[in-house]
Structures are given as structure tokens and as C-alpha cells.
Amino acid sequence: MRRRTLLKGAALGGAAALGAGYWALPVGPRPAAVSLEGARQVLADLQGKTLQNIRGWSPSEVFNHCAQSIDYSIDGYPELKPAWFRHSLGPAAFAVFSARGAMRHPLDEAIPGAAALTEPADQALALQRLQVAFERFAEHQGVLQPHFAYGALDHGEYAEAHVLHLYNHLSLIRIA
């Protein structure tokens, strides 16, 4: 009984924080349309450019991180949050991001259980890795794996999640 009350309280508190967070999300211009095509064009426009990060991960690490997330949506995430989270707070967070058309999350937080973001270390190769991951996802016709936090997403929802995720990370990268 105590555990159930605790879980309900955590869910209500999390829902209130998500609602407040909705209004705190950025409303400025996005790099492109929230679509696979828009994201792929943004990445194509970055090719051959010298990039720098404002803070946090290097551009190569960001590209590797985003590629991991896309690949894990097809192959399976190494670790999942508890089922209660993936059926309550996770989907609620994604609903807020989707409704707002923007995502905000800690930009230096690795995917639970993911490999280090060091390979490839070269910016051009890491960007190419991300482009290949987006292409693979766009062509994927099979079942998608549950997101480690949001739970079950269909192809369209995952596409939106991947694009919003990329755009959130690109907010800290500038062309030098």
C-alpha cells in the first residue's frame, strides 16, 4: 500500500513538473521542419563545415549519441527504465515534447547502458554515421523496439522523437 501511494505521488509530481516544463521549452526557430527530410537536410548542410560546441559534448560525440538512439530504436536499447515509468511519465514527457514541437533534456546525459561516444572520433565520420542511421531508420519496415523512457512508439512518433532529439542537441553546436 505504501509503495503504491509513493508511486502515485511520484507520478502526480512528475506530471505537474511536465506541465510546467511545457511552457519552459524553447519557442525559437528550429533548424528545419520536424521531419526526417528536414533533419537529413540539416545534416547535409553541416558536411564539410568546422563545428564547435558551446558547452558539453563535442560535435562528434553529439552525432554518435544521436546515431546510437536511432540505431537502438531498431535494434533495442541496452537498458530500459522501469515499466511503470515507460507507461506513465515517459509517454507524458514525449506528449509534451510532441505538442510543443521541441524537446529539452540534459544534453550531456548518455543513453543508459550505451557504449562510449568516442567512435568514430572524427567529426566527418561521426556525421556520416548519423546520416546512415537516419537513412536506415527511414527505410526500416519492421517492428521498432520500445524507447528506453517513452515506451512503445510507432514509426512516425519515433521519427519525431529522433528529429526533436537531434535539434535539441544541435542547439549547442555552432559553425566556427
C-alpha atoms as a PDB file:
ATOM      1  CA  MET A   1       0.000   0.000   0.000  1.00  0.00           C
ATOM      2  CA  ARG A   2       2.808   2.435   0.901  1.00  0.00           C
ATOM      3  CA  ARG A   3       4.655   1.696  -2.341  1.00  0.00           C
ATOM      4  CA  ARG A   4       1.506   2.319  -4.373  1.00  0.00           C
ATOM      5  CA  THR A   5       0.924   5.646  -2.615  1.00  0.00           C
ATOM      6  CA  LEU A   6       4.540   6.600  -3.195  1.00  0.00           C
ATOM      7  CA  LEU A   7       4.312   5.731  -6.905  1.00  0.00           C
ATOM      8  CA  LYS A   8       1.085   7.724  -7.287  1.00  0.00           C
ATOM      9  CA  GLY A   9       2.675  10.716  -5.595  1.00  0.00           C
ATOM     10  CA  ALA A  10       5.737  10.486  -7.817  1.00  0.00           C
ATOM     11  CA  ALA A  11       3.562  10.244 -10.923  1.00  0.00           C
ATOM     12  CA  LEU A  12       1.471  13.266  -9.912  1.00  0.00           C
ATOM     13  CA  GLY A  13       4.555  15.302  -9.065  1.00  0.00           C
ATOM     14  CA  GLY A  14       6.173  14.313 -12.345  1.00  0.00           C
ATOM     15  CA  ALA A  15       3.046  15.216 -14.296  1.00  0.00           C
ATOM     16  CA  ALA A  16       2.961  18.650 -12.647  1.00  0.00           C
ATOM     17  CA  ALA A  17       6.627  19.193 -13.500  1.00  0.00           C
ATOM     18  CA  LEU A  18       5.986  18.138 -17.092  1.00  0.00           C
ATOM     19  CA  GLY A  19       3.105  20.563 -17.388  1.00  0.00           C
ATOM     20  CA  ALA A  20       5.234  23.395 -16.059  1.00  0.00           C
ATOM     21  CA  GLY A  21       8.085  22.313 -18.329  1.00  0.00           C
ATOM     22  CA  TYR A  22       5.832  22.604 -21.375  1.00  0.00           C
ATOM     23  CA  TRP A  23       5.893  26.375 -21.084  1.00  0.00           C
ATOM     24  CA  ALA A  24       9.623  26.492 -20.389  1.00  0.00           C
ATOM     25  CA  LEU A  25      10.571  24.817 -23.664  1.00  0.00           C
ATOM     26  CA  PRO A  26      12.231  26.968 -26.310  1.00  0.00           C
ATOM     27  CA  VAL A  27       9.968  28.600 -28.865  1.00  0.00           C
ATOM     28  CA  GLY A  28      12.635  29.958 -31.218  1.00  0.00           C
ATOM     29  CA  PRO A  29      13.117  28.828 -34.788  1.00  0.00           C
ATOM     30  CA  ARG A  30      14.057  25.215 -35.434  1.00  0.00           C
ATOM     31  CA  PRO A  31      16.884  24.379 -37.836  1.00  0.00           C
ATOM     32  CA  ALA A  32      14.300  22.892 -40.236  1.00  0.00           C
ATOM     33  CA  ALA A  33      10.930  21.169 -40.355  1.00  0.00           C
ATOM     34  CA  VAL A  34      10.313  18.480 -37.766  1.00  0.00           C
ATOM     35  CA  SER A  35      10.598  15.685 -40.313  1.00  0.00           C
ATOM     36  CA  LEU A  36      13.144  13.086 -41.349  1.00  0.00           C
ATOM     37  CA  GLU A  37      13.708  15.029 -44.553  1.00  0.00           C
ATOM     38  CA  GLY A  38      14.263  18.268 -42.639  1.00  0.00           C
ATOM     39  CA  ALA A  39      16.760  16.631 -40.286  1.00  0.00           C
ATOM     40  CA  ARG A  40      18.599  14.963 -43.141  1.00  0.00           C
ATOM     41  CA  GLN A  41      18.896  18.319 -44.924  1.00  0.00           C
ATOM     42  CA  VAL A  42      20.250  19.984 -41.778  1.00  0.00           C
ATOM     43  CA  LEU A  43      22.885  17.252 -41.514  1.00  0.00           C
ATOM     44  CA  ALA A  44      23.767  17.562 -45.209  1.00  0.00           C
ATOM     45  CA  ASP A  45      24.246  21.306 -44.714  1.00  0.00           C
ATOM     46  CA  LEU A  46      26.761  20.599 -41.921  1.00  0.00           C
ATOM     47  CA  GLN A  47      29.022  18.487 -44.126  1.00  0.00           C
ATOM     48  CA  GLY A  48      32.450  19.974 -44.665  1.00  0.00           C
ATOM     49  CA  LYS A  49      31.930  22.703 -42.064  1.00  0.00           C
ATOM     50  CA  THR A  50      34.041  23.245 -38.971  1.00  0.00           C
ATOM     51  CA  LEU A  51      31.749  22.906 -35.972  1.00  0.00           C
ATOM     52  CA  GLN A  52      32.241  23.813 -32.350  1.00  0.00           C
ATOM     53  CA  ASN A  53      30.222  23.161 -29.247  1.00  0.00           C
ATOM     54  CA  ILE A  54      29.132  25.912 -26.875  1.00  0.00           C
ATOM     55  CA  ARG A  55      29.434  23.518 -23.958  1.00  0.00           C
ATOM     56  CA  GLY A  56      29.201  19.814 -23.256  1.00  0.00           C
ATOM     57  CA  TRP A  57      29.877  17.159 -25.835  1.00  0.00           C
ATOM     58  CA  SER A  58      31.907  17.705 -28.972  1.00  0.00           C
ATOM     59  CA  PRO A  59      30.032  17.658 -32.297  1.00  0.00           C
ATOM     60  CA  SER A  60      31.380  14.119 -32.906  1.00  0.00           C
ATOM     61  CA  GLU A  61      30.026  12.909 -29.576  1.00  0.00           C
ATOM     62  CA  VAL A  62      26.635  14.516 -30.285  1.00  0.00           C
ATOM     63  CA  PHE A  63      26.440  12.842 -33.698  1.00  0.00           C
ATOM     64  CA  ASN A  64      27.433   9.470 -32.208  1.00  0.00           C
ATOM     65  CA  HIS A  65      24.870   9.861 -29.405  1.00  0.00           C
ATOM     66  CA  CYS A  66      22.034  10.678 -31.811  1.00  0.00           C
ATOM     67  CA  ALA A  67      23.076   7.794 -34.088  1.00  0.00           C
ATOM     68  CA  GLN A  68      23.017   5.425 -31.103  1.00  0.00           C
ATOM     69  CA  SER A  69      19.487   6.465 -30.237  1.00  0.00           C
ATOM     70  CA  ILE A  70      18.280   5.883 -33.786  1.00  0.00           C
ATOM     71  CA  ASP A  71      20.015   2.508 -34.044  1.00  0.00           C
ATOM     72  CA  TYR A  72      18.647   1.434 -30.650  1.00  0.00           C
ATOM     73  CA  SER A  73      15.100   2.183 -31.804  1.00  0.00           C
ATOM     74  CA  ILE A  74      15.602  -0.584 -34.380  1.00  0.00           C
ATOM     75  CA  ASP A  75      17.930  -2.958 -32.514  1.00  0.00           C
ATOM     76  CA  GLY A  76      16.817  -2.419 -28.909  1.00  0.00           C
ATOM     77  CA  TYR A  77      18.105  -0.180 -26.130  1.00  0.00           C
ATOM     78  CA  PRO A  78      20.722  -1.704 -23.819  1.00  0.00           C
ATOM     79  CA  GLU A  79      18.740  -0.699 -20.703  1.00  0.00           C
ATOM     80  CA  LEU A  80      15.131   0.340 -20.166  1.00  0.00           C
ATOM     81  CA  LYS A  81      13.614   2.452 -17.419  1.00  0.00           C
ATOM     82  CA  PRO A  82      11.117   0.524 -15.255  1.00  0.00           C
ATOM     83  CA  ALA A  83       7.829  -0.472 -16.900  1.00  0.00           C
ATOM     84  CA  TRP A  84       5.803   1.867 -14.667  1.00  0.00           C
ATOM     85  CA  PHE A  85       7.920   4.791 -15.977  1.00  0.00           C
ATOM     86  CA  ARG A  86       7.621   3.707 -19.634  1.00  0.00           C
ATOM     87  CA  HIS A  87       3.836   3.554 -19.184  1.00  0.00           C
ATOM     88  CA  SER A  88       3.340   6.844 -17.335  1.00  0.00           C
ATOM     89  CA  LEU A  89       5.935   9.604 -17.029  1.00  0.00           C
ATOM     90  CA  GLY A  90       7.899   8.690 -20.166  1.00  0.00           C
ATOM     91  CA  PRO A  91       4.938   8.879 -22.566  1.00  0.00           C
ATOM     92  CA  ALA A  92       3.719  12.034 -20.803  1.00  0.00           C
ATOM     93  CA  ALA A  93       7.100  13.685 -21.400  1.00  0.00           C
ATOM     94  CA  PHE A  94       7.052  12.689 -25.058  1.00  0.00           C
ATOM     95  CA  ALA A  95       3.499  14.036 -25.410  1.00  0.00           C
ATOM     96  CA  VAL A  96       4.678  17.411 -24.068  1.00  0.00           C
ATOM     97  CA  PHE A  97       7.647  17.481 -26.466  1.00  0.00           C
ATOM     98  CA  SER A  98       5.423  16.492 -29.369  1.00  0.00           C
ATOM     99  CA  ALA A  99       2.749  19.079 -28.568  1.00  0.00           C
ATOM    100  CA  ARG A 100       5.356  21.800 -28.200  1.00  0.00           C
ATOM    101  CA  GLY A 101       7.409  20.719 -31.208  1.00  0.00           C
ATOM    102  CA  ALA A 102      10.579  20.941 -29.142  1.00  0.00           C
ATOM    103  CA  MET A 103      12.498  18.737 -26.754  1.00  0.00           C
ATOM    104  CA  ARG A 104      14.548  19.731 -23.767  1.00  0.00           C
ATOM    105  CA  HIS A 105      16.601  17.187 -21.896  1.00  0.00           C
ATOM    106  CA  PRO A 106      20.064  17.084 -20.282  1.00  0.00           C
ATOM    107  CA  LEU A 107      22.442  17.413 -23.231  1.00  0.00           C
ATOM    108  CA  ASP A 108      25.298  15.583 -21.553  1.00  0.00           C
ATOM    109  CA  GLU A 109      23.356  12.544 -20.375  1.00  0.00           C
ATOM    110  CA  ALA A 110      24.241   9.293 -22.134  1.00  0.00           C
ATOM    111  CA  ILE A 111      21.678   6.678 -23.047  1.00  0.00           C
ATOM    112  CA  PRO A 112      21.605   4.153 -20.164  1.00  0.00           C
ATOM    113  CA  GLY A 113      23.972   1.280 -20.902  1.00  0.00           C
ATOM    114  CA  ALA A 114      25.163   2.777 -24.213  1.00  0.00           C
ATOM    115  CA  ALA A 115      28.706   2.468 -25.480  1.00  0.00           C
ATOM    116  CA  ALA A 116      31.098   5.388 -25.103  1.00  0.00           C
ATOM    117  CA  LEU A 117      30.617   8.170 -27.655  1.00  0.00           C
ATOM    118  CA  THR A 118      34.219   8.050 -28.856  1.00  0.00           C
ATOM    119  CA  GLU A 119      33.834   6.155 -32.135  1.00  0.00           C
ATOM    120  CA  PRO A 120      34.155   7.494 -34.659  1.00  0.00           C
ATOM    121  CA  ALA A 121      36.086  10.411 -33.146  1.00  0.00           C
ATOM    122  CA  ASP A 122      36.451  12.243 -36.461  1.00  0.00           C
ATOM    123  CA  GLN A 123      33.645  14.791 -36.909  1.00  0.00           C
ATOM    124  CA  ALA A 124      33.071  13.990 -40.587  1.00  0.00           C
ATOM    125  CA  LEU A 125      32.861  10.245 -39.891  1.00  0.00           C
ATOM    126  CA  ALA A 126      30.553  10.743 -36.895  1.00  0.00           C
ATOM    127  CA  LEU A 127      28.285  12.931 -39.039  1.00  0.00           C
ATOM    128  CA  GLN A 128      28.294  10.238 -41.721  1.00  0.00           C
ATOM    129  CA  ARG A 129      27.400   7.632 -39.065  1.00  0.00           C
ATOM    130  CA  LEU A 130      24.385   9.744 -38.066  1.00  0.00           C
ATOM    131  CA  GLN A 131      23.308  10.203 -41.681  1.00  0.00           C
ATOM    132  CA  VAL A 132      23.471   6.431 -42.223  1.00  0.00           C
ATOM    133  CA  ALA A 133      21.412   5.866 -39.047  1.00  0.00           C
ATOM    134  CA  PHE A 134      18.706   8.275 -40.274  1.00  0.00           C
ATOM    135  CA  GLU A 135      18.692   6.541 -43.680  1.00  0.00           C
ATOM    136  CA  ARG A 136      18.448   3.112 -42.045  1.00  0.00           C
ATOM    137  CA  PHE A 137      15.562   4.306 -39.870  1.00  0.00           C
ATOM    138  CA  ALA A 138      13.723   5.889 -42.821  1.00  0.00           C
ATOM    139  CA  GLU A 139      13.931   2.613 -44.752  1.00  0.00           C
ATOM    140  CA  HIS A 140      13.075   0.349 -41.798  1.00  0.00           C
ATOM    141  CA  GLN A 141       9.799  -1.505 -42.301  1.00  0.00           C
ATOM    142  CA  GLY A 142       9.868  -3.846 -39.314  1.00  0.00           C
ATOM    143  CA  VAL A 143       8.896  -3.623 -35.681  1.00  0.00           C
ATOM    144  CA  LEU A 144      10.560  -0.917 -33.614  1.00  0.00           C
ATOM    145  CA  GLN A 145      11.865  -1.532 -30.114  1.00  0.00           C
ATOM    146  CA  PRO A 146      10.477   0.296 -27.076  1.00  0.00           C
ATOM    147  CA  HIS A 147      12.188   3.574 -26.265  1.00  0.00           C
ATOM    148  CA  PHE A 148      14.121   3.324 -23.000  1.00  0.00           C
ATOM    149  CA  ALA A 149      11.973   6.085 -21.437  1.00  0.00           C
ATOM    150  CA  TYR A 150       8.963   6.760 -23.702  1.00  0.00           C
ATOM    151  CA  GLY A 151       7.983   3.120 -24.197  1.00  0.00           C
ATOM    152  CA  ALA A 152       6.281   1.911 -27.369  1.00  0.00           C
ATOM    153  CA  LEU A 153       6.361   4.384 -30.263  1.00  0.00           C
ATOM    154  CA  ASP A 154       5.255   3.851 -33.838  1.00  0.00           C
ATOM    155  CA  HIS A 155       7.451   4.835 -36.789  1.00  0.00           C
ATOM    156  CA  GLY A 156       6.019   8.356 -37.054  1.00  0.00           C
ATOM    157  CA  GLU A 157       6.356   9.019 -33.333  1.00  0.00           C
ATOM    158  CA  TYR A 158       9.901   7.684 -33.315  1.00  0.00           C
ATOM    159  CA  ALA A 159      10.764   9.845 -36.341  1.00  0.00           C
ATOM    160  CA  GLU A 160       9.503  12.897 -34.473  1.00  0.00           C
ATOM    161  CA  ALA A 161      11.404  11.883 -31.314  1.00  0.00           C
ATOM    162  CA  HIS A 162      14.652  11.405 -33.250  1.00  0.00           C
ATOM    163  CA  VAL A 163      14.329  14.753 -35.040  1.00  0.00           C
ATOM    164  CA  LEU A 164      13.428  16.689 -31.876  1.00  0.00           C
ATOM    165  CA  HIS A 165      16.306  14.940 -30.088  1.00  0.00           C
ATOM    166  CA  LEU A 166      18.750  15.967 -32.819  1.00  0.00           C
ATOM    167  CA  TYR A 167      17.511  19.565 -32.877  1.00  0.00           C
ATOM    168  CA  ASN A 168      17.815  19.822 -29.094  1.00  0.00           C
ATOM    169  CA  HIS A 169      21.455  18.717 -29.305  1.00  0.00           C
ATOM    170  CA  LEU A 170      22.219  20.982 -32.264  1.00  0.00           C
ATOM    171  CA  SER A 171      21.208  23.962 -30.124  1.00  0.00           C
ATOM    172  CA  LEU A 172      24.689  23.780 -28.552  1.00  0.00           C
ATOM    173  CA  ILE A 173      26.634  23.457 -31.830  1.00  0.00           C
ATOM    174  CA  ARG A 174      27.738  26.373 -33.977  1.00  0.00           C
ATOM    175  CA  ILE A 175      29.548  26.678 -37.279  1.00  0.00           C
ATOM    176  CA  ALA A 176      33.024  28.014 -36.488  1.00  0.00           C
END
